[in-house]
């Protein structure tokens, strides 16, 4: 995790920045979020989605298909 964002640093700078521009800076905000909607955000690709899933699952949270 870096800076004001609580998102995993492994996601990369662009993905974290673009998600923050959409108001998404904490993992709990992604519980139930649509994968399709996330992938529509510039800079957010399959790797970022995979990393989000890996960090959400241990907390009992998940993305919507």
C-alpha atoms as a PDB file:
ATOM      1  CA  UNK A   1       0.000   0.000   0.000  1.00  0.00           C
ATOM      2  CA  UNK A   2       1.252   3.432  -0.783  1.00  0.00           C
ATOM      3  CA  UNK A   3       0.356   7.080  -0.184  1.00  0.00           C
ATOM      4  CA  UNK A   4      -3.242   7.898   0.697  1.00  0.00           C
ATOM      5  CA  UNK A   5      -4.467   4.837  -1.159  1.00  0.00           C
ATOM      6  CA  UNK A   6      -5.097   1.593   0.668  1.00  0.00           C
ATOM      7  CA  UNK A   7      -4.920  -0.321  -2.590  1.00  0.00           C
ATOM      8  CA  UNK A   8      -2.196  -2.929  -3.146  1.00  0.00           C
ATOM      9  CA  UNK A   9       0.999  -1.467  -4.614  1.00  0.00           C
ATOM     10  CA  UNK A  10       1.255  -4.549  -6.846  1.00  0.00           C
ATOM     11  CA  UNK A  11      -1.610  -3.117  -8.916  1.00  0.00           C
ATOM     12  CA  UNK A  12       0.651  -0.485 -10.377  1.00  0.00           C
ATOM     13  CA  UNK A  13       0.620   3.282 -10.286  1.00  0.00           C
ATOM     14  CA  UNK A  14      -1.728   3.915 -13.205  1.00  0.00           C
ATOM     15  CA  UNK A  15      -4.439   1.534 -11.995  1.00  0.00           C
ATOM     16  CA  UNK A  16      -4.332   2.926  -8.450  1.00  0.00           C
ATOM     17  CA  UNK A  17      -4.393   6.516  -9.725  1.00  0.00           C
ATOM     18  CA  UNK A  18      -7.312   5.923 -12.083  1.00  0.00           C
ATOM     19  CA  UNK A  19      -9.300   4.066  -9.436  1.00  0.00           C
ATOM     20  CA  UNK A  20      -8.667   6.944  -7.010  1.00  0.00           C
ATOM     21  CA  UNK A  21      -9.981   9.382  -9.632  1.00  0.00           C
ATOM     22  CA  UNK A  22     -13.188   7.331  -9.533  1.00  0.00           C
ATOM     23  CA  UNK A  23     -13.274   7.601  -5.726  1.00  0.00           C
ATOM     24  CA  UNK A  24     -12.026   4.059  -5.109  1.00  0.00           C
ATOM     25  CA  UNK A  25      -9.153   4.112  -2.628  1.00  0.00           C
ATOM     26  CA  UNK A  26     -10.052   1.388  -0.110  1.00  0.00           C
ATOM     27  CA  UNK A  27     -10.463  -2.363  -0.589  1.00  0.00           C
ATOM     28  CA  UNK A  28     -13.838  -2.381   1.177  1.00  0.00           C
ATOM     29  CA  UNK A  29     -15.220  -0.203  -1.635  1.00  0.00           C
ATOM     30  CA  UNK A  30     -14.741  -3.065  -4.101  1.00  0.00           C
ATOM     31  CA  UNK A  31     -16.928  -5.633  -2.326  1.00  0.00           C
ATOM     32  CA  UNK A  32     -19.568  -6.467  -4.925  1.00  0.00           C
ATOM     33  CA  UNK A  33     -18.077  -4.133  -7.556  1.00  0.00           C
ATOM     34  CA  UNK A  34     -18.645  -5.181 -11.153  1.00  0.00           C
ATOM     35  CA  UNK A  35     -15.604  -6.563 -12.959  1.00  0.00           C
ATOM     36  CA  UNK A  36     -17.018  -5.139 -16.186  1.00  0.00           C
ATOM     37  CA  UNK A  37     -17.219  -1.639 -14.671  1.00  0.00           C
ATOM     38  CA  UNK A  38     -13.688  -1.883 -13.285  1.00  0.00           C
ATOM     39  CA  UNK A  39     -12.273  -3.013 -16.618  1.00  0.00           C
ATOM     40  CA  UNK A  40     -13.949  -0.012 -18.268  1.00  0.00           C
ATOM     41  CA  UNK A  41     -11.722   2.320 -16.229  1.00  0.00           C
ATOM     42  CA  UNK A  42      -8.609   3.428 -18.099  1.00  0.00           C
ATOM     43  CA  UNK A  43      -5.522   1.705 -16.712  1.00  0.00           C
ATOM     44  CA  UNK A  44      -7.431  -1.082 -14.976  1.00  0.00           C
ATOM     45  CA  UNK A  45      -6.898  -4.423 -16.647  1.00  0.00           C
ATOM     46  CA  UNK A  46      -7.107  -8.126 -15.867  1.00  0.00           C
ATOM     47  CA  UNK A  47      -3.981  -8.003 -13.686  1.00  0.00           C
ATOM     48  CA  UNK A  48      -5.436  -5.276 -11.452  1.00  0.00           C
ATOM     49  CA  UNK A  49      -8.699  -7.211 -11.161  1.00  0.00           C
ATOM     50  CA  UNK A  50      -6.797 -10.389 -10.247  1.00  0.00           C
ATOM     51  CA  UNK A  51      -4.822  -8.539  -7.576  1.00  0.00           C
ATOM     52  CA  UNK A  52      -8.012  -7.025  -6.159  1.00  0.00           C
ATOM     53  CA  UNK A  53      -9.592 -10.490  -5.966  1.00  0.00           C
ATOM     54  CA  UNK A  54      -6.507 -11.885  -4.221  1.00  0.00           C
ATOM     55  CA  UNK A  55      -6.724  -9.160  -1.573  1.00  0.00           C
ATOM     56  CA  UNK A  56     -10.510  -9.270  -1.145  1.00  0.00           C
ATOM     57  CA  UNK A  57     -10.920 -13.033  -0.739  1.00  0.00           C
ATOM     58  CA  UNK A  58      -9.050 -13.383   2.585  1.00  0.00           C
ATOM     59  CA  UNK A  59     -11.433 -10.747   4.000  1.00  0.00           C
ATOM     60  CA  UNK A  60     -14.487 -12.667   2.800  1.00  0.00           C
ATOM     61  CA  UNK A  61     -15.209 -10.095   0.111  1.00  0.00           C
ATOM     62  CA  UNK A  62     -15.512 -10.517  -3.642  1.00  0.00           C
ATOM     63  CA  UNK A  63     -16.106  -8.754  -6.933  1.00  0.00           C
ATOM     64  CA  UNK A  64     -19.332  -9.263  -8.861  1.00  0.00           C
ATOM     65  CA  UNK A  65     -18.955 -11.217 -12.116  1.00  0.00           C
END
